Amino acid sequence: MLPTLRGSISHKVVDLVRVARPLDNCLTAGPVGYGDLMPITPDTKSWTWVLERACPDCGFDAADMEAHDVADAVREQASTWTRLLAQPRVRDRPKDDQWSALEYGCHVRDVFRLFDLRLGRMLDEYQPTFANWDQDVTAIEDRYDEQDPAIVAAELRDAAEQFAQHLSRVSGDQWSRVGIRSDGAVFTAGSFALYLIHDPVHHVHDVETGNATLAS
């Protein structure tokens, strides 16, 4: 069972986000002003500590899960995000400095896509190093606020299922395969999977607690 989790996490270290997006218009920066009109303070914290202790915001505790359970948890998250992205006020920000459900959904979709790429590299290469990804720049350039919630939900489900399928095939010594973040943090495939699942579940909390009137 996946515990009920709460909170907000930054993945500024997922590589090759441009490669992961299938749409050509994802490569084109949106009009200047989105970030100014709807400011989000970039999150520059390292969240690797969630592998060592429970998150005080969401209650996630990596000790409560096994890496091989993450694939099912990813699928569960895809269902949850489908529901959140179908809410009538999906574009509304609870406050100017917090993303809307739609923006969080775009982010979670991209995280699934990029972590799938990283997992593949960890299994195929010897200790690959991952380039930095700036999630806040991506949100502005790809106009997260203007994307179609139904399309985002479908893309999120597809990305989650692909990642879950690939993760479910990991076995034995493969769980010990290593990947290195751009800041030097070292992950095994197992710790990588546990680190990943904190993001989408944590953002569910951001949406559900940050915007209590989402469905009204």
N, C-alpha and C. Protein backbone atom coordinates (compact mmCIF):
# COMPACT_ATOMS: atom_id res chain seq x y z
N MET A 1 0.84 -1.20 0.00
CA MET A 1 0.00 0.00 0.00
C MET A 1 0.87 1.25 0.00
N LEU A 2 0.53 2.17 -0.86
CA LEU A 2 1.24 3.44 -0.88
C LEU A 2 0.65 4.34 0.18
N PRO A 3 1.46 4.88 1.10
CA PRO A 3 0.92 5.76 2.13
C PRO A 3 0.40 7.05 1.53
N THR A 4 -0.49 7.71 2.26
CA THR A 4 -0.95 9.03 1.86
C THR A 4 0.16 10.02 2.13
N LEU A 5 0.57 10.76 1.10
CA LEU A 5 1.73 11.62 1.20
C LEU A 5 1.34 13.07 0.99
N ARG A 6 2.16 13.95 1.47
CA ARG A 6 1.88 15.38 1.41
C ARG A 6 3.12 16.15 0.95
N GLY A 7 2.95 17.29 0.21
CA GLY A 7 4.03 18.24 0.05
C GLY A 7 4.46 18.72 -1.31
N SER A 8 5.72 19.14 -1.45
CA SER A 8 6.25 19.79 -2.66
C SER A 8 7.70 19.46 -2.82
N ILE A 9 8.12 19.01 -4.01
CA ILE A 9 9.50 18.59 -4.22
C ILE A 9 10.01 19.17 -5.52
N SER A 10 11.26 19.53 -5.59
CA SER A 10 11.84 20.08 -6.81
C SER A 10 12.76 19.06 -7.45
N HIS A 11 12.57 18.81 -8.75
CA HIS A 11 13.48 17.95 -9.50
C HIS A 11 14.20 18.83 -10.50
N LYS A 12 15.24 19.52 -10.07
CA LYS A 12 16.00 20.38 -10.95
C LYS A 12 17.17 19.63 -11.55
N VAL A 13 17.15 18.29 -11.43
CA VAL A 13 18.31 17.52 -11.82
C VAL A 13 17.94 16.38 -12.75
N VAL A 14 16.82 16.49 -13.46
CA VAL A 14 16.45 15.46 -14.40
C VAL A 14 16.95 15.86 -15.77
N ASP A 15 17.63 14.94 -16.48
CA ASP A 15 18.31 15.34 -17.70
C ASP A 15 17.43 15.19 -18.93
N LEU A 16 17.83 15.90 -19.98
CA LEU A 16 17.32 15.74 -21.33
C LEU A 16 15.83 15.95 -21.43
N VAL A 17 15.29 16.97 -20.76
CA VAL A 17 13.85 17.20 -20.81
C VAL A 17 13.39 17.51 -22.22
N ARG A 18 14.23 18.17 -23.00
CA ARG A 18 13.82 18.49 -24.36
C ARG A 18 13.65 17.23 -25.19
N VAL A 19 14.51 16.25 -24.97
CA VAL A 19 14.41 15.00 -25.71
C VAL A 19 13.13 14.27 -25.36
N ALA A 20 12.69 14.41 -24.11
CA ALA A 20 11.55 13.65 -23.65
C ALA A 20 10.24 14.15 -24.20
N ARG A 21 10.15 15.41 -24.59
CA ARG A 21 8.89 15.97 -25.05
C ARG A 21 8.70 15.69 -26.53
N PRO A 22 7.56 15.11 -26.92
CA PRO A 22 7.35 14.76 -28.32
C PRO A 22 6.88 15.92 -29.18
N LEU A 23 6.39 17.01 -28.61
CA LEU A 23 5.79 18.07 -29.38
C LEU A 23 6.82 19.13 -29.77
N ASP A 24 6.80 19.52 -31.04
CA ASP A 24 7.75 20.51 -31.52
C ASP A 24 7.60 21.84 -30.79
N ASN A 25 6.36 22.20 -30.45
CA ASN A 25 6.18 23.51 -29.84
C ASN A 25 6.72 23.56 -28.43
N CYS A 26 7.11 22.42 -27.90
CA CYS A 26 7.74 22.41 -26.58
C CYS A 26 9.13 23.03 -26.64
N LEU A 27 9.67 23.17 -27.82
CA LEU A 27 11.02 23.70 -27.95
C LEU A 27 11.02 25.21 -28.06
N THR A 28 9.86 25.79 -28.16
CA THR A 28 9.76 27.23 -28.38
C THR A 28 9.39 27.95 -27.11
N ALA A 29 10.16 28.92 -26.74
CA ALA A 29 9.86 29.69 -25.53
C ALA A 29 8.58 30.47 -25.72
N GLY A 30 7.77 30.51 -24.66
CA GLY A 30 6.53 31.27 -24.69
C GLY A 30 6.82 32.75 -24.52
N PRO A 31 5.77 33.56 -24.60
CA PRO A 31 5.94 35.00 -24.47
C PRO A 31 6.56 35.38 -23.14
N VAL A 32 7.39 36.39 -23.16
CA VAL A 32 8.00 36.88 -21.94
C VAL A 32 6.89 37.45 -21.06
N GLY A 33 6.97 37.18 -19.78
CA GLY A 33 6.00 37.77 -18.87
C GLY A 33 5.29 36.76 -18.00
N TYR A 34 5.20 35.51 -18.42
CA TYR A 34 4.53 34.49 -17.63
C TYR A 34 5.14 34.38 -16.24
N GLY A 35 6.46 34.29 -16.20
CA GLY A 35 7.13 34.19 -14.92
C GLY A 35 7.02 35.44 -14.08
N ASP A 36 6.92 36.59 -14.76
CA ASP A 36 6.79 37.85 -14.04
C ASP A 36 5.39 38.04 -13.48
N LEU A 37 4.39 37.68 -14.31
CA LEU A 37 3.02 37.88 -13.88
C LEU A 37 2.59 36.86 -12.83
N MET A 38 3.16 35.67 -12.91
CA MET A 38 2.79 34.60 -12.00
C MET A 38 4.06 34.02 -11.40
N PRO A 39 4.70 34.75 -10.52
CA PRO A 39 6.05 34.37 -10.07
C PRO A 39 6.06 33.13 -9.19
N ILE A 40 7.02 32.28 -9.47
CA ILE A 40 7.30 31.12 -8.63
C ILE A 40 8.74 31.22 -8.19
N THR A 41 8.98 31.16 -6.90
CA THR A 41 10.34 31.20 -6.40
C THR A 41 11.01 29.86 -6.68
N PRO A 42 12.09 29.84 -7.45
CA PRO A 42 12.74 28.57 -7.77
C PRO A 42 13.15 27.81 -6.51
N ASP A 43 12.94 26.51 -6.54
CA ASP A 43 13.32 25.65 -5.43
C ASP A 43 14.69 25.06 -5.74
N THR A 44 15.68 25.49 -5.01
CA THR A 44 17.06 25.04 -5.26
C THR A 44 17.54 24.04 -4.22
N LYS A 45 16.63 23.57 -3.37
CA LYS A 45 17.03 22.63 -2.32
C LYS A 45 17.30 21.25 -2.92
N SER A 46 18.17 20.52 -2.26
CA SER A 46 18.36 19.12 -2.60
C SER A 46 17.44 18.30 -1.72
N TRP A 47 16.66 17.41 -2.35
CA TRP A 47 15.66 16.64 -1.62
C TRP A 47 16.10 15.19 -1.39
N THR A 48 17.38 14.91 -1.53
CA THR A 48 17.83 13.53 -1.36
C THR A 48 17.62 13.01 0.06
N TRP A 49 17.43 13.92 1.01
CA TRP A 49 17.21 13.50 2.39
C TRP A 49 15.92 12.69 2.56
N VAL A 50 15.00 12.77 1.57
CA VAL A 50 13.76 11.99 1.71
C VAL A 50 14.04 10.50 1.64
N LEU A 51 15.23 10.11 1.22
CA LEU A 51 15.60 8.70 1.23
C LEU A 51 16.04 8.24 2.61
N GLU A 52 16.31 9.18 3.50
CA GLU A 52 16.86 8.85 4.81
C GLU A 52 15.89 9.06 5.96
N ARG A 53 14.92 9.93 5.78
CA ARG A 53 13.97 10.20 6.86
C ARG A 53 12.64 10.64 6.27
N ALA A 54 11.61 10.56 7.09
CA ALA A 54 10.27 10.91 6.62
C ALA A 54 10.18 12.39 6.30
N CYS A 55 9.41 12.70 5.27
CA CYS A 55 9.20 14.09 4.90
C CYS A 55 8.23 14.72 5.90
N PRO A 56 8.60 15.80 6.55
CA PRO A 56 7.73 16.41 7.56
C PRO A 56 6.48 17.03 6.96
N ASP A 57 6.48 17.34 5.68
CA ASP A 57 5.32 17.94 5.05
C ASP A 57 4.31 16.89 4.60
N CYS A 58 4.80 15.84 3.98
CA CYS A 58 3.88 14.87 3.38
C CYS A 58 3.80 13.56 4.10
N GLY A 59 4.74 13.27 4.95
CA GLY A 59 4.73 12.01 5.67
C GLY A 59 5.34 10.85 4.92
N PHE A 60 5.80 11.11 3.71
CA PHE A 60 6.44 10.03 2.94
C PHE A 60 7.67 9.52 3.68
N ASP A 61 7.79 8.22 3.78
CA ASP A 61 8.93 7.58 4.42
C ASP A 61 9.41 6.47 3.51
N ALA A 62 10.58 6.65 2.92
CA ALA A 62 11.11 5.66 1.98
C ALA A 62 11.28 4.30 2.63
N ALA A 63 11.42 4.27 3.95
CA ALA A 63 11.56 3.00 4.65
C ALA A 63 10.29 2.16 4.59
N ASP A 64 9.18 2.80 4.26
CA ASP A 64 7.90 2.08 4.20
C ASP A 64 7.66 1.41 2.86
N MET A 65 8.54 1.65 1.89
CA MET A 65 8.35 1.09 0.55
C MET A 65 9.58 0.32 0.11
N GLU A 66 9.37 -0.63 -0.76
CA GLU A 66 10.45 -1.33 -1.45
C GLU A 66 10.51 -0.81 -2.89
N ALA A 67 11.68 -0.78 -3.44
CA ALA A 67 11.83 -0.25 -4.79
C ALA A 67 10.96 -0.99 -5.79
N HIS A 68 10.79 -2.28 -5.61
CA HIS A 68 10.00 -3.04 -6.58
C HIS A 68 8.50 -2.74 -6.47
N ASP A 69 8.10 -2.01 -5.44
CA ASP A 69 6.69 -1.62 -5.31
C ASP A 69 6.39 -0.28 -6.00
N VAL A 70 7.43 0.41 -6.44
CA VAL A 70 7.24 1.75 -6.98
C VAL A 70 6.47 1.72 -8.30
N ALA A 71 6.64 0.70 -9.10
CA ALA A 71 5.93 0.64 -10.38
C ALA A 71 4.42 0.72 -10.17
N ASP A 72 3.90 -0.04 -9.20
CA ASP A 72 2.47 0.02 -8.91
C ASP A 72 2.08 1.38 -8.35
N ALA A 73 2.96 1.97 -7.55
CA ALA A 73 2.68 3.29 -6.98
C ALA A 73 2.61 4.35 -8.08
N VAL A 74 3.45 4.21 -9.09
CA VAL A 74 3.43 5.15 -10.22
C VAL A 74 2.09 5.06 -10.94
N ARG A 75 1.60 3.86 -11.16
CA ARG A 75 0.30 3.70 -11.82
C ARG A 75 -0.81 4.29 -10.96
N GLU A 76 -0.72 4.11 -9.67
CA GLU A 76 -1.72 4.69 -8.77
C GLU A 76 -1.70 6.21 -8.87
N GLN A 77 -0.51 6.77 -8.96
CA GLN A 77 -0.40 8.21 -9.08
C GLN A 77 -1.00 8.72 -10.39
N ALA A 78 -0.83 7.96 -11.45
CA ALA A 78 -1.40 8.36 -12.73
C ALA A 78 -2.92 8.49 -12.63
N SER A 79 -3.55 7.58 -11.92
CA SER A 79 -5.00 7.65 -11.72
C SER A 79 -5.39 8.87 -10.90
N THR A 80 -4.60 9.14 -9.86
CA THR A 80 -4.89 10.30 -9.02
C THR A 80 -4.78 11.59 -9.81
N TRP A 81 -3.73 11.69 -10.62
CA TRP A 81 -3.54 12.91 -11.40
C TRP A 81 -4.58 13.06 -12.50
N THR A 82 -5.08 11.96 -13.03
CA THR A 82 -6.18 12.05 -13.99
C THR A 82 -7.39 12.71 -13.35
N ARG A 83 -7.66 12.34 -12.10
CA ARG A 83 -8.78 12.95 -11.38
C ARG A 83 -8.52 14.43 -11.12
N LEU A 84 -7.33 14.77 -10.67
CA LEU A 84 -7.03 16.17 -10.36
C LEU A 84 -7.08 17.05 -11.60
N LEU A 85 -6.64 16.52 -12.71
CA LEU A 85 -6.61 17.32 -13.93
C LEU A 85 -7.99 17.46 -14.57
N ALA A 86 -8.96 16.73 -14.07
CA ALA A 86 -10.34 16.84 -14.57
C ALA A 86 -11.17 17.81 -13.75
N GLN A 87 -10.59 18.41 -12.71
CA GLN A 87 -11.33 19.34 -11.87
C GLN A 87 -11.62 20.63 -12.63
N PRO A 88 -12.77 21.25 -12.38
CA PRO A 88 -13.15 22.44 -13.15
C PRO A 88 -12.23 23.65 -12.96
N ARG A 89 -11.55 23.75 -11.81
CA ARG A 89 -10.69 24.91 -11.58
C ARG A 89 -9.21 24.52 -11.67
N VAL A 90 -8.94 23.64 -12.60
CA VAL A 90 -7.60 23.08 -12.72
C VAL A 90 -6.54 24.13 -13.06
N ARG A 91 -6.95 25.24 -13.69
CA ARG A 91 -6.00 26.27 -14.08
C ARG A 91 -5.76 27.31 -12.98
N ASP A 92 -6.56 27.28 -11.94
CA ASP A 92 -6.48 28.31 -10.91
C ASP A 92 -5.31 28.07 -9.97
N ARG A 93 -4.54 29.12 -9.73
CA ARG A 93 -3.52 29.06 -8.70
C ARG A 93 -4.12 29.49 -7.36
N PRO A 94 -3.85 28.74 -6.29
CA PRO A 94 -4.35 29.16 -4.99
C PRO A 94 -3.73 30.47 -4.53
N LYS A 95 -2.52 30.73 -5.00
CA LYS A 95 -1.84 32.00 -4.77
C LYS A 95 -0.80 32.17 -5.86
N ASP A 96 -0.34 33.40 -6.04
CA ASP A 96 0.52 33.69 -7.19
C ASP A 96 1.82 32.90 -7.20
N ASP A 97 2.29 32.53 -6.02
CA ASP A 97 3.59 31.86 -5.97
C ASP A 97 3.46 30.35 -5.83
N GLN A 98 2.30 29.79 -6.16
CA GLN A 98 2.13 28.33 -6.14
C GLN A 98 1.48 27.88 -7.43
N TRP A 99 2.02 26.85 -8.02
CA TRP A 99 1.48 26.34 -9.27
C TRP A 99 0.04 25.87 -9.12
N SER A 100 -0.68 25.90 -10.24
CA SER A 100 -2.01 25.32 -10.33
C SER A 100 -1.91 23.81 -10.48
N ALA A 101 -3.05 23.14 -10.38
CA ALA A 101 -3.06 21.69 -10.60
C ALA A 101 -2.56 21.35 -11.99
N LEU A 102 -2.92 22.17 -12.98
CA LEU A 102 -2.46 21.94 -14.34
C LEU A 102 -0.95 22.05 -14.44
N GLU A 103 -0.38 23.06 -13.83
CA GLU A 103 1.07 23.25 -13.89
C GLU A 103 1.80 22.10 -13.18
N TYR A 104 1.28 21.71 -12.02
CA TYR A 104 1.88 20.56 -11.34
C TYR A 104 1.74 19.30 -12.19
N GLY A 105 0.59 19.14 -12.83
CA GLY A 105 0.40 17.96 -13.67
C GLY A 105 1.39 17.91 -14.82
N CYS A 106 1.63 19.07 -15.45
CA CYS A 106 2.64 19.13 -16.52
C CYS A 106 4.01 18.73 -15.98
N HIS A 107 4.34 19.23 -14.79
CA HIS A 107 5.62 18.91 -14.18
C HIS A 107 5.75 17.42 -13.90
N VAL A 108 4.70 16.83 -13.32
CA VAL A 108 4.75 15.41 -12.99
C VAL A 108 4.89 14.57 -14.26
N ARG A 109 4.17 14.93 -15.30
CA ARG A 109 4.32 14.25 -16.59
C ARG A 109 5.77 14.27 -17.05
N ASP A 110 6.38 15.46 -16.99
CA ASP A 110 7.76 15.59 -17.46
C ASP A 110 8.74 14.85 -16.57
N VAL A 111 8.46 14.80 -15.28
CA VAL A 111 9.31 14.04 -14.37
C VAL A 111 9.26 12.55 -14.73
N PHE A 112 8.06 12.01 -14.98
CA PHE A 112 7.97 10.61 -15.38
C PHE A 112 8.76 10.36 -16.66
N ARG A 113 8.63 11.25 -17.62
CA ARG A 113 9.35 11.07 -18.88
C ARG A 113 10.86 11.08 -18.68
N LEU A 114 11.31 12.02 -17.89
CA LEU A 114 12.75 12.17 -17.72
C LEU A 114 13.35 11.09 -16.85
N PHE A 115 12.63 10.67 -15.84
CA PHE A 115 13.14 9.60 -15.00
C PHE A 115 13.15 8.27 -15.75
N ASP A 116 12.27 8.12 -16.71
CA ASP A 116 12.31 6.94 -17.55
C ASP A 116 13.60 6.93 -18.37
N LEU A 117 13.96 8.09 -18.92
CA LEU A 117 15.23 8.19 -19.65
C LEU A 117 16.42 7.90 -18.75
N ARG A 118 16.38 8.45 -17.55
CA ARG A 118 17.49 8.23 -16.62
C ARG A 118 17.61 6.76 -16.24
N LEU A 119 16.48 6.12 -15.99
CA LEU A 119 16.53 4.71 -15.64
C LEU A 119 17.17 3.91 -16.76
N GLY A 120 16.80 4.21 -18.00
CA GLY A 120 17.40 3.52 -19.12
C GLY A 120 18.91 3.71 -19.18
N ARG A 121 19.34 4.91 -18.90
CA ARG A 121 20.78 5.17 -18.92
C ARG A 121 21.49 4.43 -17.78
N MET A 122 20.87 4.38 -16.64
CA MET A 122 21.49 3.68 -15.50
C MET A 122 21.67 2.20 -15.81
N LEU A 123 20.71 1.62 -16.54
CA LEU A 123 20.78 0.20 -16.85
C LEU A 123 21.71 -0.09 -18.02
N ASP A 124 21.87 0.88 -18.92
CA ASP A 124 22.65 0.64 -20.14
C ASP A 124 24.08 1.17 -20.08
N GLU A 125 24.34 2.15 -19.22
CA GLU A 125 25.65 2.78 -19.17
C GLU A 125 26.30 2.56 -17.82
N TYR A 126 27.60 2.78 -17.80
CA TYR A 126 28.32 2.66 -16.54
C TYR A 126 28.33 4.01 -15.83
N GLN A 127 27.62 4.09 -14.73
CA GLN A 127 27.58 5.26 -13.87
C GLN A 127 27.42 6.57 -14.66
N PRO A 128 26.32 6.69 -15.41
CA PRO A 128 26.10 7.93 -16.18
C PRO A 128 25.91 9.13 -15.26
N THR A 129 26.30 10.29 -15.75
CA THR A 129 26.07 11.54 -15.04
C THR A 129 24.94 12.28 -15.75
N PHE A 130 23.97 12.75 -14.97
CA PHE A 130 22.78 13.39 -15.52
C PHE A 130 22.93 14.90 -15.56
N ALA A 131 22.59 15.48 -16.68
CA ALA A 131 22.62 16.93 -16.82
C ALA A 131 21.55 17.56 -15.95
N ASN A 132 21.73 18.83 -15.64
CA ASN A 132 20.77 19.55 -14.83
C ASN A 132 19.53 19.92 -15.64
N TRP A 133 18.39 19.89 -14.98
CA TRP A 133 17.14 20.34 -15.59
C TRP A 133 16.54 21.43 -14.72
N ASP A 134 16.20 22.56 -15.30
CA ASP A 134 15.58 23.65 -14.55
C ASP A 134 14.07 23.57 -14.77
N GLN A 135 13.37 23.06 -13.79
CA GLN A 135 11.93 22.86 -13.91
C GLN A 135 11.17 24.18 -14.06
N ASP A 136 11.68 25.23 -13.45
CA ASP A 136 10.99 26.51 -13.49
C ASP A 136 11.09 27.16 -14.86
N VAL A 137 12.25 27.07 -15.47
CA VAL A 137 12.42 27.56 -16.84
C VAL A 137 11.52 26.77 -17.79
N THR A 138 11.48 25.47 -17.60
CA THR A 138 10.64 24.63 -18.46
C THR A 138 9.17 25.03 -18.35
N ALA A 139 8.71 25.30 -17.14
CA ALA A 139 7.31 25.69 -16.95
C ALA A 139 6.98 26.95 -17.73
N ILE A 140 7.93 27.88 -17.78
CA ILE A 140 7.72 29.13 -18.50
C ILE A 140 7.80 28.91 -20.01
N GLU A 141 8.86 28.25 -20.45
CA GLU A 141 9.07 28.08 -21.88
C GLU A 141 7.99 27.23 -22.53
N ASP A 142 7.51 26.23 -21.81
CA ASP A 142 6.50 25.33 -22.37
C ASP A 142 5.07 25.74 -22.02
N ARG A 143 4.93 26.91 -21.38
CA ARG A 143 3.63 27.46 -21.06
C ARG A 143 2.73 26.42 -20.39
N TYR A 144 3.20 25.90 -19.28
CA TYR A 144 2.40 24.93 -18.54
C TYR A 144 0.98 25.44 -18.30
N ASP A 145 0.84 26.73 -18.07
CA ASP A 145 -0.47 27.29 -17.73
C ASP A 145 -1.45 27.27 -18.88
N GLU A 146 -0.96 27.11 -20.11
CA GLU A 146 -1.83 27.16 -21.28
C GLU A 146 -2.07 25.80 -21.90
N GLN A 147 -1.50 24.75 -21.35
CA GLN A 147 -1.68 23.43 -21.94
C GLN A 147 -3.08 22.89 -21.66
N ASP A 148 -3.50 21.95 -22.47
CA ASP A 148 -4.84 21.36 -22.36
C ASP A 148 -4.83 20.29 -21.27
N PRO A 149 -5.64 20.46 -20.22
CA PRO A 149 -5.61 19.50 -19.11
C PRO A 149 -5.89 18.06 -19.54
N ALA A 150 -6.81 17.87 -20.48
CA ALA A 150 -7.13 16.51 -20.93
C ALA A 150 -5.94 15.87 -21.64
N ILE A 151 -5.25 16.66 -22.46
CA ILE A 151 -4.07 16.14 -23.14
C ILE A 151 -2.96 15.86 -22.13
N VAL A 152 -2.77 16.76 -21.19
CA VAL A 152 -1.75 16.55 -20.16
C VAL A 152 -2.04 15.28 -19.38
N ALA A 153 -3.30 15.05 -19.03
CA ALA A 153 -3.67 13.85 -18.28
C ALA A 153 -3.33 12.59 -19.08
N ALA A 154 -3.65 12.60 -20.37
CA ALA A 154 -3.35 11.44 -21.21
C ALA A 154 -1.84 11.24 -21.34
N GLU A 155 -1.10 12.33 -21.53
CA GLU A 155 0.35 12.22 -21.64
C GLU A 155 0.96 11.75 -20.33
N LEU A 156 0.43 12.22 -19.22
CA LEU A 156 0.93 11.79 -17.92
C LEU A 156 0.70 10.30 -17.72
N ARG A 157 -0.50 9.82 -18.07
CA ARG A 157 -0.78 8.39 -17.93
C ARG A 157 0.17 7.56 -18.79
N ASP A 158 0.40 8.01 -20.02
CA ASP A 158 1.30 7.28 -20.91
C ASP A 158 2.72 7.25 -20.36
N ALA A 159 3.18 8.41 -19.88
CA ALA A 159 4.54 8.48 -19.34
C ALA A 159 4.68 7.63 -18.09
N ALA A 160 3.66 7.66 -17.24
CA ALA A 160 3.69 6.85 -16.02
C ALA A 160 3.71 5.37 -16.35
N GLU A 161 2.89 4.96 -17.30
CA GLU A 161 2.83 3.54 -17.65
C GLU A 161 4.14 3.07 -18.27
N GLN A 162 4.73 3.89 -19.11
CA GLN A 162 6.01 3.50 -19.71
C GLN A 162 7.09 3.34 -18.65
N PHE A 163 7.15 4.31 -17.74
CA PHE A 163 8.15 4.23 -16.68
C PHE A 163 7.87 3.02 -15.79
N ALA A 164 6.60 2.78 -15.45
CA ALA A 164 6.25 1.65 -14.59
C ALA A 164 6.62 0.32 -15.24
N GLN A 165 6.38 0.21 -16.53
CA GLN A 165 6.74 -1.03 -17.22
C GLN A 165 8.24 -1.26 -17.18
N HIS A 166 9.00 -0.21 -17.47
CA HIS A 166 10.46 -0.36 -17.45
C HIS A 166 10.96 -0.66 -16.05
N LEU A 167 10.38 0.00 -15.06
CA LEU A 167 10.82 -0.23 -13.68
C LEU A 167 10.47 -1.64 -13.23
N SER A 168 9.34 -2.16 -13.67
CA SER A 168 8.92 -3.49 -13.24
C SER A 168 9.81 -4.60 -13.78
N ARG A 169 10.61 -4.26 -14.80
CA ARG A 169 11.52 -5.26 -15.38
C ARG A 169 12.89 -5.27 -14.69
N VAL A 170 13.13 -4.31 -13.82
CA VAL A 170 14.41 -4.26 -13.10
C VAL A 170 14.43 -5.39 -12.08
N SER A 171 15.54 -6.09 -11.98
CA SER A 171 15.62 -7.21 -11.05
C SER A 171 17.07 -7.45 -10.64
N GLY A 172 17.22 -8.20 -9.58
CA GLY A 172 18.53 -8.64 -9.14
C GLY A 172 19.53 -7.51 -8.96
N ASP A 173 20.72 -7.73 -9.54
CA ASP A 173 21.80 -6.76 -9.39
C ASP A 173 21.52 -5.44 -10.11
N GLN A 174 20.51 -5.42 -10.98
CA GLN A 174 20.19 -4.17 -11.68
C GLN A 174 19.77 -3.07 -10.70
N TRP A 175 19.19 -3.46 -9.58
CA TRP A 175 18.77 -2.45 -8.60
C TRP A 175 19.96 -1.69 -8.02
N SER A 176 21.16 -2.23 -8.19
CA SER A 176 22.36 -1.58 -7.67
C SER A 176 23.08 -0.75 -8.72
N ARG A 177 22.55 -0.70 -9.93
CA ARG A 177 23.17 0.13 -10.96
C ARG A 177 23.16 1.59 -10.52
N VAL A 178 24.20 2.32 -10.90
CA VAL A 178 24.43 3.66 -10.35
C VAL A 178 24.22 4.75 -11.40
N GLY A 179 23.65 5.86 -10.96
CA GLY A 179 23.57 7.09 -11.75
C GLY A 179 24.00 8.25 -10.87
N ILE A 180 24.63 9.25 -11.45
CA ILE A 180 25.19 10.36 -10.68
C ILE A 180 24.53 11.67 -11.12
N ARG A 181 24.01 12.39 -10.16
CA ARG A 181 23.38 13.67 -10.43
C ARG A 181 24.43 14.72 -10.70
N SER A 182 24.03 15.82 -11.34
CA SER A 182 24.99 16.85 -11.71
C SER A 182 25.67 17.49 -10.51
N ASP A 183 25.03 17.41 -9.33
CA ASP A 183 25.64 17.98 -8.12
C ASP A 183 26.48 16.96 -7.36
N GLY A 184 26.65 15.76 -7.93
CA GLY A 184 27.47 14.73 -7.32
C GLY A 184 26.71 13.71 -6.50
N ALA A 185 25.42 13.90 -6.29
CA ALA A 185 24.62 12.92 -5.55
C ALA A 185 24.56 11.62 -6.33
N VAL A 186 24.74 10.51 -5.62
CA VAL A 186 24.79 9.20 -6.25
C VAL A 186 23.52 8.42 -5.92
N PHE A 187 22.89 7.87 -6.94
CA PHE A 187 21.71 7.04 -6.77
C PHE A 187 21.97 5.64 -7.30
N THR A 188 21.38 4.65 -6.66
CA THR A 188 21.24 3.35 -7.28
C THR A 188 19.86 3.32 -7.95
N ALA A 189 19.62 2.33 -8.77
CA ALA A 189 18.30 2.24 -9.39
C ALA A 189 17.22 2.12 -8.32
N GLY A 190 17.55 1.45 -7.22
CA GLY A 190 16.58 1.30 -6.14
C GLY A 190 16.27 2.61 -5.44
N SER A 191 17.30 3.35 -5.05
CA SER A 191 17.07 4.62 -4.36
C SER A 191 16.47 5.65 -5.32
N PHE A 192 16.82 5.54 -6.59
CA PHE A 192 16.28 6.40 -7.63
C PHE A 192 14.76 6.24 -7.74
N ALA A 193 14.30 5.00 -7.69
CA ALA A 193 12.86 4.74 -7.78
C ALA A 193 12.13 5.32 -6.57
N LEU A 194 12.69 5.16 -5.40
CA LEU A 194 12.05 5.69 -4.19
C LEU A 194 12.08 7.21 -4.18
N TYR A 195 13.16 7.78 -4.68
CA TYR A 195 13.26 9.24 -4.77
C TYR A 195 12.20 9.78 -5.73
N LEU A 196 12.01 9.09 -6.84
CA LEU A 196 11.04 9.52 -7.84
C LEU A 196 9.62 9.59 -7.28
N ILE A 197 9.18 8.57 -6.56
CA ILE A 197 7.77 8.49 -6.20
C ILE A 197 7.37 9.59 -5.22
N HIS A 198 8.34 10.15 -4.52
CA HIS A 198 8.02 11.26 -3.62
C HIS A 198 7.46 12.45 -4.39
N ASP A 199 7.93 12.67 -5.59
CA ASP A 199 7.54 13.86 -6.35
C ASP A 199 6.05 13.91 -6.68
N PRO A 200 5.51 12.94 -7.41
CA PRO A 200 4.10 13.06 -7.80
C PRO A 200 3.14 13.00 -6.62
N VAL A 201 3.45 12.18 -5.63
CA VAL A 201 2.54 12.07 -4.50
C VAL A 201 2.60 13.34 -3.66
N HIS A 202 3.78 13.88 -3.54
CA HIS A 202 3.96 15.11 -2.79
C HIS A 202 3.19 16.27 -3.44
N HIS A 203 3.18 16.29 -4.75
CA HIS A 203 2.48 17.35 -5.46
C HIS A 203 0.96 17.18 -5.39
N VAL A 204 0.50 15.96 -5.18
CA VAL A 204 -0.93 15.78 -4.91
C VAL A 204 -1.32 16.59 -3.68
N HIS A 205 -0.46 16.55 -2.68
CA HIS A 205 -0.71 17.33 -1.47
C HIS A 205 -0.71 18.83 -1.78
N ASP A 206 0.23 19.26 -2.61
CA ASP A 206 0.28 20.67 -2.98
C ASP A 206 -1.06 21.12 -3.56
N VAL A 207 -1.61 20.30 -4.42
CA VAL A 207 -2.87 20.64 -5.07
C VAL A 207 -4.03 20.56 -4.08
N GLU A 208 -4.11 19.47 -3.32
CA GLU A 208 -5.28 19.25 -2.47
C GLU A 208 -5.31 20.16 -1.25
N THR A 209 -4.16 20.53 -0.73
CA THR A 209 -4.15 21.41 0.42
C THR A 209 -3.98 22.86 0.04
N GLY A 210 -3.33 23.13 -1.08
CA GLY A 210 -3.11 24.51 -1.49
C GLY A 210 -4.32 25.13 -2.14
N ASN A 211 -5.18 24.29 -2.68
CA ASN A 211 -6.36 24.82 -3.36
C ASN A 211 -7.57 23.99 -2.96
N ALA A 212 -8.07 24.27 -1.76
CA ALA A 212 -9.18 23.49 -1.23
C ALA A 212 -10.47 23.70 -2.02
N THR A 213 -10.53 24.77 -2.81
CA THR A 213 -11.75 25.06 -3.57
C THR A 213 -11.61 24.60 -5.02
N LEU A 214 -10.66 23.75 -5.30
CA LEU A 214 -10.37 23.34 -6.69
C LEU A 214 -11.62 22.82 -7.39
N ALA A 215 -12.43 22.06 -6.70
CA ALA A 215 -13.56 21.41 -7.36
C ALA A 215 -14.84 22.24 -7.28
N SER A 216 -14.78 23.40 -6.67
CA SER A 216 -16.00 24.18 -6.48
C SER A 216 -16.35 24.99 -7.72
